Amino acid sequence: MIAFRLDGRAAQFSEDQRDTPLIYVLRDDGLREMTPKFGCGLEQCGACRVLVDGSPEYACTLPAGAVANRHVETSAGMDGAVRRALIDANATQCGYCLPGIVVAAEALFRVDPHPTRDQIAEALDAQLCRCGSQPRVLRALTALAGW
């Protein structure tokens, strides 16, 4: 078994899943962490992003073995100011992209609690929102940053 931490708790998966993309390991019957979404499988939409030891990673292409003895955080484990700002501002529409947006924004706000609008836009650049809620997301996060 390969051990890691998932949203602050101990987790593990079978050694034979070492080369399987992390998204499948997270969502399988053992862990059942459905928050990261499978979008494109090509690192082009960001719906699958998670933090691995605080760094945003694409779970659709990251081999699960790469998280051995590391901490993986999904948006489900992030109930902080970023998530609340998006919800309070009703900044999302369908929500499919939201897990990746929360992860990307959380990574940024942990480094700089008052990023500029341009820094926020750059951090979210890899996130594809098919509904077009990006302006509301950007407004909510800019307000959170205090601008």
N, C-alpha and C. Protein backbone atom coordinates (compact mmCIF):
# COMPACT_ATOMS: atom_id res chain seq x y z
N MET A 1 0.84 -1.19 0.00
CA MET A 1 0.00 0.00 0.00
C MET A 1 0.89 1.25 0.00
N ILE A 2 0.39 2.28 -0.66
CA ILE A 2 1.08 3.56 -0.70
C ILE A 2 0.28 4.53 0.16
N ALA A 3 0.97 5.09 1.15
CA ALA A 3 0.32 5.98 2.10
C ALA A 3 0.54 7.44 1.72
N PHE A 4 -0.47 8.26 2.01
CA PHE A 4 -0.38 9.71 1.84
C PHE A 4 -1.45 10.33 2.72
N ARG A 5 -1.50 11.65 2.75
CA ARG A 5 -2.54 12.34 3.51
C ARG A 5 -3.49 12.98 2.50
N LEU A 6 -4.77 12.87 2.77
CA LEU A 6 -5.80 13.44 1.91
C LEU A 6 -6.67 14.36 2.75
N ASP A 7 -6.59 15.63 2.47
CA ASP A 7 -7.36 16.64 3.22
C ASP A 7 -7.16 16.48 4.72
N GLY A 8 -5.91 16.22 5.11
CA GLY A 8 -5.56 16.17 6.52
C GLY A 8 -5.72 14.83 7.21
N ARG A 9 -6.20 13.84 6.49
CA ARG A 9 -6.38 12.52 7.12
C ARG A 9 -5.53 11.47 6.39
N ALA A 10 -5.21 10.41 7.10
CA ALA A 10 -4.42 9.34 6.50
C ALA A 10 -5.23 8.64 5.41
N ALA A 11 -4.55 8.32 4.32
CA ALA A 11 -5.19 7.61 3.21
C ALA A 11 -4.15 6.70 2.57
N GLN A 12 -4.63 5.77 1.78
CA GLN A 12 -3.72 4.87 1.09
C GLN A 12 -4.39 4.28 -0.14
N PHE A 13 -3.54 3.78 -1.02
CA PHE A 13 -4.04 3.09 -2.20
C PHE A 13 -3.07 1.98 -2.54
N SER A 14 -3.51 1.09 -3.38
CA SER A 14 -2.75 -0.10 -3.73
C SER A 14 -1.52 0.23 -4.56
N GLU A 15 -0.45 -0.47 -4.30
CA GLU A 15 0.80 -0.31 -5.04
C GLU A 15 0.60 -0.48 -6.55
N ASP A 16 -0.35 -1.33 -6.95
CA ASP A 16 -0.57 -1.53 -8.39
C ASP A 16 -1.23 -0.32 -9.06
N GLN A 17 -1.61 0.70 -8.29
CA GLN A 17 -2.17 1.93 -8.85
C GLN A 17 -1.12 3.04 -8.96
N ARG A 18 0.14 2.73 -8.69
CA ARG A 18 1.23 3.71 -8.69
C ARG A 18 1.28 4.55 -9.96
N ASP A 19 1.08 3.94 -11.12
CA ASP A 19 1.17 4.65 -12.39
C ASP A 19 -0.17 5.19 -12.90
N THR A 20 -1.23 4.93 -12.16
CA THR A 20 -2.57 5.40 -12.52
C THR A 20 -2.65 6.89 -12.24
N PRO A 21 -3.26 7.68 -13.12
CA PRO A 21 -3.43 9.11 -12.80
C PRO A 21 -4.16 9.28 -11.47
N LEU A 22 -3.69 10.23 -10.70
CA LEU A 22 -4.22 10.46 -9.36
C LEU A 22 -5.73 10.67 -9.35
N ILE A 23 -6.29 11.31 -10.37
CA ILE A 23 -7.73 11.57 -10.39
C ILE A 23 -8.53 10.28 -10.25
N TYR A 24 -8.09 9.22 -10.89
CA TYR A 24 -8.80 7.94 -10.81
C TYR A 24 -8.66 7.31 -9.44
N VAL A 25 -7.50 7.42 -8.84
CA VAL A 25 -7.27 6.86 -7.51
C VAL A 25 -8.13 7.61 -6.48
N LEU A 26 -8.17 8.93 -6.61
CA LEU A 26 -8.98 9.72 -5.67
C LEU A 26 -10.47 9.37 -5.78
N ARG A 27 -10.94 9.18 -7.00
CA ARG A 27 -12.37 8.99 -7.23
C ARG A 27 -12.81 7.53 -7.15
N ASP A 28 -11.89 6.59 -7.00
CA ASP A 28 -12.28 5.17 -7.03
C ASP A 28 -13.02 4.78 -5.76
N ASP A 29 -13.45 3.53 -5.70
CA ASP A 29 -14.29 3.05 -4.60
C ASP A 29 -13.61 3.12 -3.24
N GLY A 30 -12.29 3.09 -3.21
CA GLY A 30 -11.59 3.13 -1.93
C GLY A 30 -11.64 4.50 -1.26
N LEU A 31 -11.29 5.54 -1.99
CA LEU A 31 -11.22 6.88 -1.40
C LEU A 31 -12.49 7.70 -1.62
N ARG A 32 -13.14 7.52 -2.74
CA ARG A 32 -14.41 8.18 -3.06
C ARG A 32 -14.35 9.70 -2.87
N GLU A 33 -13.24 10.32 -3.26
CA GLU A 33 -13.12 11.78 -3.21
C GLU A 33 -13.52 12.31 -4.58
N MET A 34 -14.77 12.74 -4.68
CA MET A 34 -15.34 13.12 -5.97
C MET A 34 -15.21 14.61 -6.29
N THR A 35 -14.61 15.38 -5.42
CA THR A 35 -14.52 16.81 -5.66
C THR A 35 -13.70 17.16 -6.90
N PRO A 36 -12.47 16.66 -7.03
CA PRO A 36 -11.75 16.95 -8.28
C PRO A 36 -12.50 16.32 -9.45
N LYS A 37 -12.70 17.09 -10.49
CA LYS A 37 -13.48 16.62 -11.64
C LYS A 37 -12.57 16.20 -12.78
N PHE A 38 -12.99 15.20 -13.51
CA PHE A 38 -12.28 14.83 -14.73
C PHE A 38 -12.88 15.66 -15.84
N GLY A 39 -12.06 16.51 -16.43
CA GLY A 39 -12.54 17.37 -17.51
C GLY A 39 -11.97 16.93 -18.84
N CYS A 40 -10.70 17.21 -19.04
CA CYS A 40 -10.09 16.97 -20.36
C CYS A 40 -9.06 15.84 -20.35
N GLY A 41 -8.42 15.61 -19.21
CA GLY A 41 -7.36 14.61 -19.13
C GLY A 41 -6.06 15.05 -19.77
N LEU A 42 -5.97 16.33 -20.12
CA LEU A 42 -4.81 16.85 -20.84
C LEU A 42 -4.20 18.10 -20.21
N GLU A 43 -4.51 18.38 -18.95
CA GLU A 43 -4.02 19.58 -18.26
C GLU A 43 -4.45 20.87 -18.95
N GLN A 44 -5.63 20.87 -19.55
CA GLN A 44 -6.07 22.06 -20.27
C GLN A 44 -7.28 22.75 -19.65
N CYS A 45 -7.95 22.10 -18.68
CA CYS A 45 -9.14 22.74 -18.12
C CYS A 45 -9.02 23.06 -16.63
N GLY A 46 -8.19 22.35 -15.91
CA GLY A 46 -7.97 22.62 -14.50
C GLY A 46 -9.01 22.10 -13.53
N ALA A 47 -10.03 21.42 -14.01
CA ALA A 47 -11.09 20.92 -13.12
C ALA A 47 -10.59 19.88 -12.13
N CYS A 48 -9.48 19.25 -12.45
CA CYS A 48 -8.94 18.17 -11.62
C CYS A 48 -7.89 18.64 -10.63
N ARG A 49 -7.56 19.91 -10.61
CA ARG A 49 -6.41 20.36 -9.82
C ARG A 49 -6.60 20.13 -8.33
N VAL A 50 -5.49 19.75 -7.72
CA VAL A 50 -5.38 19.54 -6.28
C VAL A 50 -4.08 20.19 -5.83
N LEU A 51 -3.93 20.40 -4.54
CA LEU A 51 -2.65 20.84 -4.00
C LEU A 51 -1.90 19.62 -3.51
N VAL A 52 -0.64 19.52 -3.89
CA VAL A 52 0.24 18.47 -3.38
C VAL A 52 1.34 19.20 -2.63
N ASP A 53 1.34 19.03 -1.32
CA ASP A 53 2.26 19.77 -0.45
C ASP A 53 2.19 21.26 -0.74
N GLY A 54 0.99 21.76 -1.00
CA GLY A 54 0.76 23.18 -1.19
C GLY A 54 0.92 23.69 -2.61
N SER A 55 1.32 22.83 -3.54
CA SER A 55 1.54 23.25 -4.92
C SER A 55 0.42 22.72 -5.82
N PRO A 56 -0.17 23.57 -6.66
CA PRO A 56 -1.24 23.10 -7.56
C PRO A 56 -0.70 22.09 -8.57
N GLU A 57 -1.41 20.97 -8.70
CA GLU A 57 -1.03 19.91 -9.63
C GLU A 57 -2.27 19.43 -10.37
N TYR A 58 -2.06 18.94 -11.57
CA TYR A 58 -3.15 18.36 -12.36
C TYR A 58 -3.27 16.88 -12.00
N ALA A 59 -4.36 16.51 -11.35
CA ALA A 59 -4.56 15.12 -10.94
C ALA A 59 -4.86 14.21 -12.12
N CYS A 60 -5.20 14.78 -13.28
CA CYS A 60 -5.53 13.96 -14.44
C CYS A 60 -4.29 13.34 -15.08
N THR A 61 -3.12 13.91 -14.84
CA THR A 61 -1.89 13.37 -15.45
C THR A 61 -0.84 12.99 -14.42
N LEU A 62 -0.98 13.42 -13.19
CA LEU A 62 0.00 13.12 -12.15
C LEU A 62 -0.11 11.65 -11.74
N PRO A 63 0.97 10.87 -11.89
CA PRO A 63 0.90 9.48 -11.44
C PRO A 63 0.64 9.44 -9.93
N ALA A 64 -0.25 8.59 -9.51
CA ALA A 64 -0.61 8.51 -8.09
C ALA A 64 0.60 8.26 -7.21
N GLY A 65 1.55 7.50 -7.70
CA GLY A 65 2.75 7.21 -6.92
C GLY A 65 3.53 8.46 -6.53
N ALA A 66 3.33 9.55 -7.24
CA ALA A 66 4.03 10.80 -6.95
C ALA A 66 3.57 11.43 -5.64
N VAL A 67 2.46 10.99 -5.08
CA VAL A 67 1.97 11.58 -3.83
C VAL A 67 2.30 10.72 -2.62
N ALA A 68 3.10 9.69 -2.80
CA ALA A 68 3.48 8.84 -1.67
C ALA A 68 4.11 9.69 -0.57
N ASN A 69 3.60 9.53 0.63
CA ASN A 69 4.08 10.24 1.81
C ASN A 69 3.97 11.76 1.70
N ARG A 70 3.03 12.23 0.91
CA ARG A 70 2.82 13.67 0.73
C ARG A 70 1.40 14.02 1.15
N HIS A 71 1.08 15.31 1.15
CA HIS A 71 -0.25 15.77 1.53
C HIS A 71 -0.98 16.28 0.31
N VAL A 72 -2.11 15.67 -0.01
CA VAL A 72 -2.97 16.09 -1.12
C VAL A 72 -4.17 16.80 -0.52
N GLU A 73 -4.45 17.99 -1.04
CA GLU A 73 -5.63 18.74 -0.60
C GLU A 73 -6.55 18.95 -1.79
N THR A 74 -7.81 18.66 -1.59
CA THR A 74 -8.84 18.94 -2.60
C THR A 74 -9.63 20.14 -2.12
N SER A 75 -10.44 20.69 -2.97
CA SER A 75 -11.25 21.83 -2.56
C SER A 75 -12.22 21.46 -1.44
N ALA A 76 -12.55 20.17 -1.32
CA ALA A 76 -13.44 19.73 -0.25
C ALA A 76 -12.82 19.98 1.12
N GLY A 77 -11.50 19.95 1.19
CA GLY A 77 -10.81 20.18 2.45
C GLY A 77 -10.46 21.64 2.68
N MET A 78 -10.89 22.51 1.78
CA MET A 78 -10.56 23.93 1.88
C MET A 78 -11.82 24.73 2.17
N ASP A 79 -12.12 24.91 3.43
CA ASP A 79 -13.32 25.65 3.80
C ASP A 79 -12.93 27.00 4.39
N GLY A 80 -12.08 27.71 3.66
CA GLY A 80 -11.57 28.97 4.15
C GLY A 80 -12.17 30.17 3.44
N ALA A 81 -11.45 31.27 3.51
CA ALA A 81 -11.93 32.54 3.00
C ALA A 81 -12.16 32.52 1.49
N VAL A 82 -11.31 31.83 0.75
CA VAL A 82 -11.47 31.78 -0.71
C VAL A 82 -12.81 31.15 -1.07
N ARG A 83 -13.05 30.01 -0.53
CA ARG A 83 -14.30 29.29 -0.83
C ARG A 83 -15.53 30.11 -0.41
N ARG A 84 -15.45 30.68 0.78
CA ARG A 84 -16.58 31.49 1.28
C ARG A 84 -16.80 32.72 0.41
N ALA A 85 -15.72 33.36 -0.05
CA ALA A 85 -15.86 34.56 -0.90
C ALA A 85 -16.59 34.22 -2.19
N LEU A 86 -16.26 33.08 -2.79
CA LEU A 86 -16.92 32.67 -4.03
C LEU A 86 -18.39 32.35 -3.81
N ILE A 87 -18.68 31.68 -2.72
CA ILE A 87 -20.07 31.31 -2.41
C ILE A 87 -20.88 32.57 -2.06
N ASP A 88 -20.33 33.42 -1.19
CA ASP A 88 -21.04 34.62 -0.76
C ASP A 88 -21.35 35.56 -1.92
N ALA A 89 -20.45 35.59 -2.91
CA ALA A 89 -20.65 36.46 -4.07
C ALA A 89 -21.47 35.79 -5.17
N ASN A 90 -21.90 34.55 -4.91
CA ASN A 90 -22.63 33.78 -5.93
C ASN A 90 -21.86 33.84 -7.25
N ALA A 91 -20.56 33.56 -7.14
CA ALA A 91 -19.64 33.76 -8.25
C ALA A 91 -19.55 32.59 -9.21
N THR A 92 -20.26 31.54 -8.94
CA THR A 92 -20.14 30.38 -9.84
C THR A 92 -21.49 30.07 -10.47
N GLN A 93 -21.45 29.28 -11.48
CA GLN A 93 -22.69 28.91 -12.15
C GLN A 93 -22.91 27.40 -12.00
N CYS A 94 -22.39 26.59 -12.90
CA CYS A 94 -22.66 25.15 -12.80
C CYS A 94 -21.80 24.48 -11.73
N GLY A 95 -20.61 25.02 -11.46
CA GLY A 95 -19.77 24.49 -10.41
C GLY A 95 -18.79 23.41 -10.82
N TYR A 96 -18.81 22.98 -12.08
CA TYR A 96 -17.90 21.92 -12.50
C TYR A 96 -16.44 22.35 -12.38
N CYS A 97 -16.16 23.58 -12.72
CA CYS A 97 -14.79 24.09 -12.66
C CYS A 97 -14.41 24.56 -11.26
N LEU A 98 -15.38 24.73 -10.40
CA LEU A 98 -15.16 25.33 -9.08
C LEU A 98 -14.07 24.65 -8.26
N PRO A 99 -14.00 23.32 -8.20
CA PRO A 99 -12.92 22.72 -7.41
C PRO A 99 -11.53 23.19 -7.85
N GLY A 100 -11.29 23.25 -9.13
CA GLY A 100 -10.00 23.71 -9.61
C GLY A 100 -9.76 25.18 -9.33
N ILE A 101 -10.81 25.99 -9.45
CA ILE A 101 -10.69 27.42 -9.16
C ILE A 101 -10.36 27.63 -7.69
N VAL A 102 -11.05 26.92 -6.81
CA VAL A 102 -10.79 27.05 -5.38
C VAL A 102 -9.34 26.66 -5.08
N VAL A 103 -8.87 25.56 -5.65
CA VAL A 103 -7.50 25.10 -5.42
C VAL A 103 -6.49 26.13 -5.91
N ALA A 104 -6.67 26.64 -7.12
CA ALA A 104 -5.73 27.62 -7.68
C ALA A 104 -5.72 28.90 -6.86
N ALA A 105 -6.89 29.38 -6.48
CA ALA A 105 -6.98 30.62 -5.71
C ALA A 105 -6.42 30.41 -4.30
N GLU A 106 -6.72 29.29 -3.70
CA GLU A 106 -6.21 29.00 -2.36
C GLU A 106 -4.68 28.98 -2.35
N ALA A 107 -4.08 28.37 -3.37
CA ALA A 107 -2.61 28.35 -3.46
C ALA A 107 -2.06 29.77 -3.52
N LEU A 108 -2.69 30.63 -4.30
CA LEU A 108 -2.25 32.01 -4.41
C LEU A 108 -2.41 32.76 -3.10
N PHE A 109 -3.60 32.68 -2.49
CA PHE A 109 -3.87 33.44 -1.28
C PHE A 109 -3.05 32.96 -0.08
N ARG A 110 -2.59 31.74 -0.10
CA ARG A 110 -1.71 31.27 0.97
C ARG A 110 -0.34 31.94 0.88
N VAL A 111 0.09 32.23 -0.33
CA VAL A 111 1.38 32.88 -0.54
C VAL A 111 1.27 34.39 -0.33
N ASP A 112 0.16 34.97 -0.80
CA ASP A 112 -0.05 36.42 -0.73
C ASP A 112 -1.52 36.68 -0.44
N PRO A 113 -1.86 37.09 0.79
CA PRO A 113 -3.26 37.31 1.13
C PRO A 113 -3.88 38.54 0.45
N HIS A 114 -3.06 39.34 -0.23
CA HIS A 114 -3.57 40.54 -0.90
C HIS A 114 -3.01 40.64 -2.32
N PRO A 115 -3.25 39.59 -3.14
CA PRO A 115 -2.73 39.66 -4.51
C PRO A 115 -3.47 40.72 -5.32
N THR A 116 -2.80 41.20 -6.35
CA THR A 116 -3.44 42.17 -7.24
C THR A 116 -4.42 41.44 -8.16
N ARG A 117 -5.24 42.22 -8.84
CA ARG A 117 -6.18 41.63 -9.79
C ARG A 117 -5.43 40.85 -10.87
N ASP A 118 -4.31 41.40 -11.35
CA ASP A 118 -3.51 40.72 -12.37
C ASP A 118 -2.94 39.39 -11.85
N GLN A 119 -2.50 39.37 -10.61
CA GLN A 119 -1.96 38.14 -10.03
C GLN A 119 -3.07 37.08 -9.89
N ILE A 120 -4.25 37.52 -9.52
CA ILE A 120 -5.38 36.59 -9.41
C ILE A 120 -5.73 36.04 -10.78
N ALA A 121 -5.81 36.90 -11.78
CA ALA A 121 -6.13 36.47 -13.14
C ALA A 121 -5.07 35.48 -13.65
N GLU A 122 -3.82 35.76 -13.36
CA GLU A 122 -2.74 34.85 -13.79
C GLU A 122 -2.86 33.49 -13.10
N ALA A 123 -3.16 33.50 -11.80
CA ALA A 123 -3.31 32.24 -11.06
C ALA A 123 -4.47 31.40 -11.58
N LEU A 124 -5.50 32.07 -12.08
CA LEU A 124 -6.69 31.37 -12.58
C LEU A 124 -6.63 31.10 -14.08
N ASP A 125 -5.57 31.52 -14.74
CA ASP A 125 -5.46 31.40 -16.18
C ASP A 125 -5.60 29.96 -16.67
N ALA A 126 -5.14 29.00 -15.89
CA ALA A 126 -5.21 27.60 -16.30
C ALA A 126 -6.59 26.98 -16.08
N GLN A 127 -7.50 27.72 -15.47
CA GLN A 127 -8.83 27.20 -15.15
C GLN A 127 -9.82 27.57 -16.25
N LEU A 128 -10.41 26.58 -16.85
CA LEU A 128 -11.41 26.79 -17.90
C LEU A 128 -12.81 26.73 -17.29
N CYS A 129 -13.55 27.81 -17.43
CA CYS A 129 -14.94 27.85 -16.99
C CYS A 129 -15.80 27.94 -18.24
N ARG A 130 -16.52 26.88 -18.52
CA ARG A 130 -17.34 26.85 -19.72
C ARG A 130 -18.61 27.68 -19.60
N CYS A 131 -19.02 28.00 -18.37
CA CYS A 131 -20.26 28.78 -18.17
C CYS A 131 -20.03 30.28 -18.30
N GLY A 132 -18.78 30.70 -18.23
CA GLY A 132 -18.50 32.12 -18.34
C GLY A 132 -18.60 32.89 -17.04
N SER A 133 -18.40 32.24 -15.91
CA SER A 133 -18.51 32.94 -14.64
C SER A 133 -17.19 33.59 -14.20
N GLN A 134 -16.18 33.57 -15.06
CA GLN A 134 -14.89 34.13 -14.70
C GLN A 134 -14.97 35.57 -14.19
N PRO A 135 -15.76 36.47 -14.81
CA PRO A 135 -15.82 37.84 -14.28
C PRO A 135 -16.31 37.89 -12.83
N ARG A 136 -17.29 37.08 -12.48
CA ARG A 136 -17.80 37.06 -11.10
C ARG A 136 -16.76 36.46 -10.15
N VAL A 137 -16.07 35.42 -10.60
CA VAL A 137 -15.02 34.81 -9.78
C VAL A 137 -13.92 35.83 -9.54
N LEU A 138 -13.50 36.50 -10.57
CA LEU A 138 -12.43 37.50 -10.44
C LEU A 138 -12.86 38.64 -9.52
N ARG A 139 -14.10 39.09 -9.65
CA ARG A 139 -14.60 40.16 -8.76
C ARG A 139 -14.60 39.70 -7.30
N ALA A 140 -15.07 38.49 -7.05
CA ALA A 140 -15.14 37.97 -5.69
C ALA A 140 -13.75 37.86 -5.07
N LEU A 141 -12.79 37.35 -5.83
CA LEU A 141 -11.44 37.18 -5.29
C LEU A 141 -10.69 38.50 -5.17
N THR A 142 -10.97 39.42 -6.06
CA THR A 142 -10.36 40.76 -5.95
C THR A 142 -10.88 41.46 -4.69
N ALA A 143 -12.17 41.31 -4.41
CA ALA A 143 -12.74 41.87 -3.18
C ALA A 143 -12.13 41.22 -1.95
N LEU A 144 -11.94 39.90 -1.99
CA LEU A 144 -11.30 39.20 -0.88
C LEU A 144 -9.89 39.72 -0.65
N ALA A 145 -9.19 40.03 -1.73
CA ALA A 145 -7.82 40.54 -1.61
C ALA A 145 -7.78 41.97 -1.06
N GLY A 146 -8.94 42.61 -1.02
CA GLY A 146 -9.01 43.95 -0.45
C GLY A 146 -8.87 45.07 -1.46
N TRP A 147 -9.11 44.75 -2.74
CA TRP A 147 -8.96 45.80 -3.76
C TRP A 147 -10.30 46.32 -4.17
